[in-house]
N, C-alpha and C. Protein backbone atom coordinates (compact mmCIF):
# COMPACT_ATOMS: atom_id res chain seq x y z
N MET A 1 -32.26 53.81 -62.07
CA MET A 1 -31.20 54.04 -63.37
C MET A 1 -30.00 55.06 -63.34
N ALA A 2 -28.86 54.72 -63.47
CA ALA A 2 -27.82 55.65 -63.51
C ALA A 2 -27.84 56.90 -65.01
N PRO A 3 -28.03 58.13 -64.70
CA PRO A 3 -27.53 58.86 -65.69
C PRO A 3 -26.64 58.65 -66.80
N ILE A 4 -26.93 58.99 -68.15
CA ILE A 4 -26.52 58.66 -69.10
C ILE A 4 -25.32 60.50 -69.57
N ILE A 5 -23.90 60.03 -69.13
CA ILE A 5 -22.91 61.33 -68.88
C ILE A 5 -22.32 61.03 -70.45
N ALA A 6 -22.60 62.47 -71.08
CA ALA A 6 -22.06 62.41 -72.30
C ALA A 6 -20.59 63.24 -72.10
N LEU A 7 -19.54 62.47 -72.63
CA LEU A 7 -18.02 62.56 -72.25
C LEU A 7 -17.66 63.34 -73.98
N PRO A 8 -16.59 64.55 -73.54
CA PRO A 8 -16.08 65.22 -75.27
C PRO A 8 -15.39 64.19 -75.79
N LYS A 9 -15.51 64.62 -77.08
CA LYS A 9 -14.30 63.83 -78.02
C LYS A 9 -13.52 64.09 -77.86
N GLN A 10 -12.62 62.85 -77.91
CA GLN A 10 -10.92 63.45 -78.10
C GLN A 10 -10.08 62.79 -79.05
N ASN A 11 -9.49 63.68 -79.69
CA ASN A 11 -8.62 62.76 -80.41
C ASN A 11 -7.62 62.36 -80.35
N VAL A 12 -6.65 61.01 -80.43
CA VAL A 12 -5.66 60.75 -80.36
C VAL A 12 -4.95 60.56 -81.70
N ILE A 13 -3.71 61.15 -81.45
CA ILE A 13 -2.49 61.39 -82.53
C ILE A 13 -1.24 60.64 -82.44
N THR A 14 -1.45 59.80 -83.07
CA THR A 14 0.10 58.74 -83.05
C THR A 14 1.13 58.83 -84.00
N ASP A 15 2.35 59.75 -83.31
CA ASP A 15 3.62 59.65 -84.35
C ASP A 15 4.72 58.82 -84.26
N LEU A 16 4.76 58.74 -85.49
CA LEU A 16 5.77 56.80 -85.25
C LEU A 16 7.29 57.75 -86.23
N ALA A 17 8.38 57.58 -85.72
CA ALA A 17 9.23 58.10 -86.90
C ALA A 17 10.49 56.51 -86.75
N ASP A 18 10.80 56.28 -87.45
CA ASP A 18 11.67 55.19 -87.54
C ASP A 18 13.05 55.30 -87.43
N GLN A 19 13.89 54.91 -87.12
CA GLN A 19 15.40 54.53 -87.12
C GLN A 19 15.67 55.36 -86.54
N LEU A 20 15.29 56.48 -85.37
CA LEU A 20 15.97 56.94 -84.49
C LEU A 20 15.98 56.56 -83.28
N HIS A 21 17.22 56.89 -82.58
CA HIS A 21 18.48 56.95 -81.84
C HIS A 21 17.31 57.78 -80.53
N ALA A 22 17.39 56.69 -79.33
CA ALA A 22 16.59 57.30 -78.23
C ALA A 22 16.83 58.84 -77.84
N ASP A 23 18.04 59.32 -77.85
CA ASP A 23 18.07 60.68 -77.54
C ASP A 23 18.39 61.64 -78.73
N CYS A 24 18.15 61.34 -80.08
CA CYS A 24 18.26 62.35 -81.19
C CYS A 24 17.37 63.61 -81.18
N MET A 25 16.71 64.09 -80.54
CA MET A 25 15.60 65.07 -80.92
C MET A 25 16.29 66.00 -79.47
N GLY A 26 15.41 67.16 -80.21
CA GLY A 26 16.08 68.30 -79.40
C GLY A 26 14.91 68.20 -77.60
N CYS A 27 13.90 67.79 -77.84
CA CYS A 27 13.13 67.14 -76.63
C CYS A 27 13.52 66.46 -75.73
N ASP A 28 14.83 66.00 -76.11
CA ASP A 28 15.47 64.44 -75.56
C ASP A 28 16.38 65.26 -74.80
N GLY A 29 16.73 66.50 -75.08
CA GLY A 29 17.60 66.86 -74.70
C GLY A 29 19.42 66.90 -75.54
N HIS A 30 19.28 66.63 -76.68
CA HIS A 30 20.09 66.62 -77.46
C HIS A 30 20.42 67.96 -77.78
N PRO A 31 21.95 68.64 -77.67
CA PRO A 31 22.63 69.93 -77.90
C PRO A 31 22.51 70.23 -79.28
N GLN A 32 22.36 69.28 -80.09
CA GLN A 32 22.37 69.71 -81.80
C GLN A 32 21.46 69.89 -82.14
N ALA A 33 20.52 68.80 -82.20
CA ALA A 33 19.12 68.86 -82.56
C ALA A 33 18.48 69.45 -82.77
N LEU A 34 17.69 69.54 -84.26
CA LEU A 34 16.78 71.03 -84.34
C LEU A 34 15.52 70.40 -84.94
N THR A 35 14.82 70.14 -83.90
CA THR A 35 13.27 69.33 -84.22
C THR A 35 12.30 70.40 -83.63
N PRO A 36 12.06 71.55 -83.70
CA PRO A 36 10.57 72.17 -83.59
C PRO A 36 9.50 71.73 -83.44
N GLU A 37 9.24 71.00 -84.37
CA GLU A 37 7.85 70.47 -84.75
C GLU A 37 7.70 69.00 -83.81
N PHE A 38 8.47 68.53 -83.57
CA PHE A 38 8.57 67.45 -82.62
C PHE A 38 8.40 68.23 -81.30
N ASP A 39 9.27 68.84 -81.12
CA ASP A 39 9.45 69.16 -79.73
C ASP A 39 7.98 70.34 -79.06
N ALA A 40 7.27 70.86 -80.03
CA ALA A 40 6.11 71.33 -79.67
C ALA A 40 5.01 70.66 -79.52
N PHE A 41 5.21 69.26 -80.70
CA PHE A 41 4.21 68.30 -80.49
C PHE A 41 4.14 67.35 -79.30
N THR A 42 5.35 67.30 -78.61
CA THR A 42 5.70 66.98 -77.86
C THR A 42 5.42 67.56 -76.40
N ALA A 43 5.06 68.62 -75.95
CA ALA A 43 5.54 69.83 -75.10
C ALA A 43 3.73 69.52 -74.97
N SER A 44 2.96 69.43 -75.46
CA SER A 44 1.67 69.32 -75.40
C SER A 44 0.87 67.77 -75.93
N GLY A 45 1.52 66.94 -75.31
CA GLY A 45 1.02 65.90 -75.31
C GLY A 45 1.48 65.17 -74.32
N LEU A 46 1.65 63.43 -74.53
CA LEU A 46 2.14 62.42 -73.91
C LEU A 46 3.25 61.80 -74.56
N ARG A 47 4.01 61.53 -74.19
CA ARG A 47 5.65 60.89 -74.68
C ARG A 47 6.07 60.33 -74.17
N PHE A 48 6.41 58.88 -74.76
CA PHE A 48 7.00 57.70 -73.75
C PHE A 48 8.74 57.90 -73.61
N GLU A 49 9.03 58.00 -72.66
CA GLU A 49 10.77 58.05 -72.45
C GLU A 49 11.40 56.46 -72.45
N LYS A 50 10.79 55.78 -71.92
CA LYS A 50 11.57 54.71 -72.14
C LYS A 50 10.60 53.31 -72.54
N ALA A 51 10.52 53.66 -73.75
CA ALA A 51 9.97 52.50 -74.75
C ALA A 51 10.88 51.66 -75.62
N TYR A 52 10.54 50.66 -76.24
CA TYR A 52 11.46 50.05 -76.93
C TYR A 52 10.57 49.14 -77.90
N CYS A 53 11.39 48.83 -78.94
CA CYS A 53 10.70 48.13 -80.18
C CYS A 53 10.79 46.50 -80.10
N HIS A 54 9.83 46.16 -80.42
CA HIS A 54 9.60 44.88 -79.64
C HIS A 54 10.01 44.00 -81.12
N LYS A 55 9.98 44.17 -82.21
CA LYS A 55 10.52 43.56 -83.54
C LYS A 55 11.18 45.23 -84.26
N PRO A 56 12.55 44.13 -84.68
CA PRO A 56 13.16 45.24 -85.25
C PRO A 56 12.77 45.97 -86.88
N ILE A 57 11.60 45.29 -87.32
CA ILE A 57 11.08 45.89 -89.01
C ILE A 57 10.18 46.63 -88.50
N CYS A 58 9.97 47.81 -89.25
CA CYS A 58 8.62 48.55 -88.95
C CYS A 58 7.57 48.64 -89.05
N ALA A 59 6.95 47.52 -90.20
CA ALA A 59 5.86 47.04 -90.24
C ALA A 59 5.34 46.14 -88.88
N SER A 60 6.04 45.47 -88.54
CA SER A 60 5.67 44.66 -87.78
C SER A 60 5.19 45.61 -86.59
N SER A 61 6.10 46.54 -86.22
CA SER A 61 6.20 47.52 -84.78
C SER A 61 5.11 48.22 -84.98
N ARG A 62 4.62 48.43 -86.33
CA ARG A 62 3.39 49.05 -86.42
C ARG A 62 1.91 48.40 -85.93
N VAL A 63 2.31 47.24 -86.80
CA VAL A 63 1.42 46.27 -86.24
C VAL A 63 1.03 45.92 -84.95
N ILE A 64 1.90 45.77 -84.08
CA ILE A 64 1.75 45.42 -82.74
C ILE A 64 1.05 47.04 -82.40
N ILE A 65 1.72 47.94 -82.20
CA ILE A 65 1.15 49.47 -81.87
C ILE A 65 -0.32 49.40 -82.71
N LEU A 66 -0.97 49.17 -83.34
CA LEU A 66 -2.36 49.66 -83.68
C LEU A 66 -3.34 48.25 -83.46
N SER A 67 -2.50 47.04 -82.84
CA SER A 67 -3.38 46.24 -82.63
C SER A 67 -3.26 45.60 -81.33
N GLY A 68 -2.06 46.02 -80.51
CA GLY A 68 -2.26 45.68 -79.33
C GLY A 68 -1.89 44.06 -79.02
N ARG A 69 -1.26 43.35 -80.07
CA ARG A 69 -1.32 41.92 -80.03
C ARG A 69 0.18 42.11 -80.63
N TYR A 70 1.16 40.79 -80.15
CA TYR A 70 2.29 40.29 -80.71
C TYR A 70 2.20 40.19 -82.43
N ALA A 71 3.06 40.62 -83.19
CA ALA A 71 3.30 40.28 -84.19
C ALA A 71 3.16 38.68 -84.77
N GLN A 72 4.01 37.91 -84.45
CA GLN A 72 3.99 36.73 -84.29
C GLN A 72 2.45 35.88 -84.36
N ASN A 73 1.62 36.47 -83.46
CA ASN A 73 0.51 35.97 -83.05
C ASN A 73 -0.78 36.09 -84.69
N GLN A 74 -0.10 37.14 -85.41
CA GLN A 74 -0.49 37.65 -86.14
C GLN A 74 -0.11 37.18 -87.73
N GLY A 75 0.79 36.89 -87.53
CA GLY A 75 1.14 36.22 -89.00
C GLY A 75 2.51 37.04 -89.29
N TYR A 76 2.80 37.97 -88.77
CA TYR A 76 4.08 39.17 -89.36
C TYR A 76 5.45 38.38 -88.79
């Protein structure tokens, strides 16, 4: 029987911002955007650079992210 290995617990934080253009933050290279909190957050984590929104309404997009299933399959 294989030994059970206890892995350390890890926290996952997802930060969703609505109605932002793809390059409107300092961490994306915008020369005038002052976004120190987003810059610090993305510097120490994972950031998707080529993501897009499946549905134009934020509630449907959040359902997709949280469930991993298409919104139309869930009644949204």
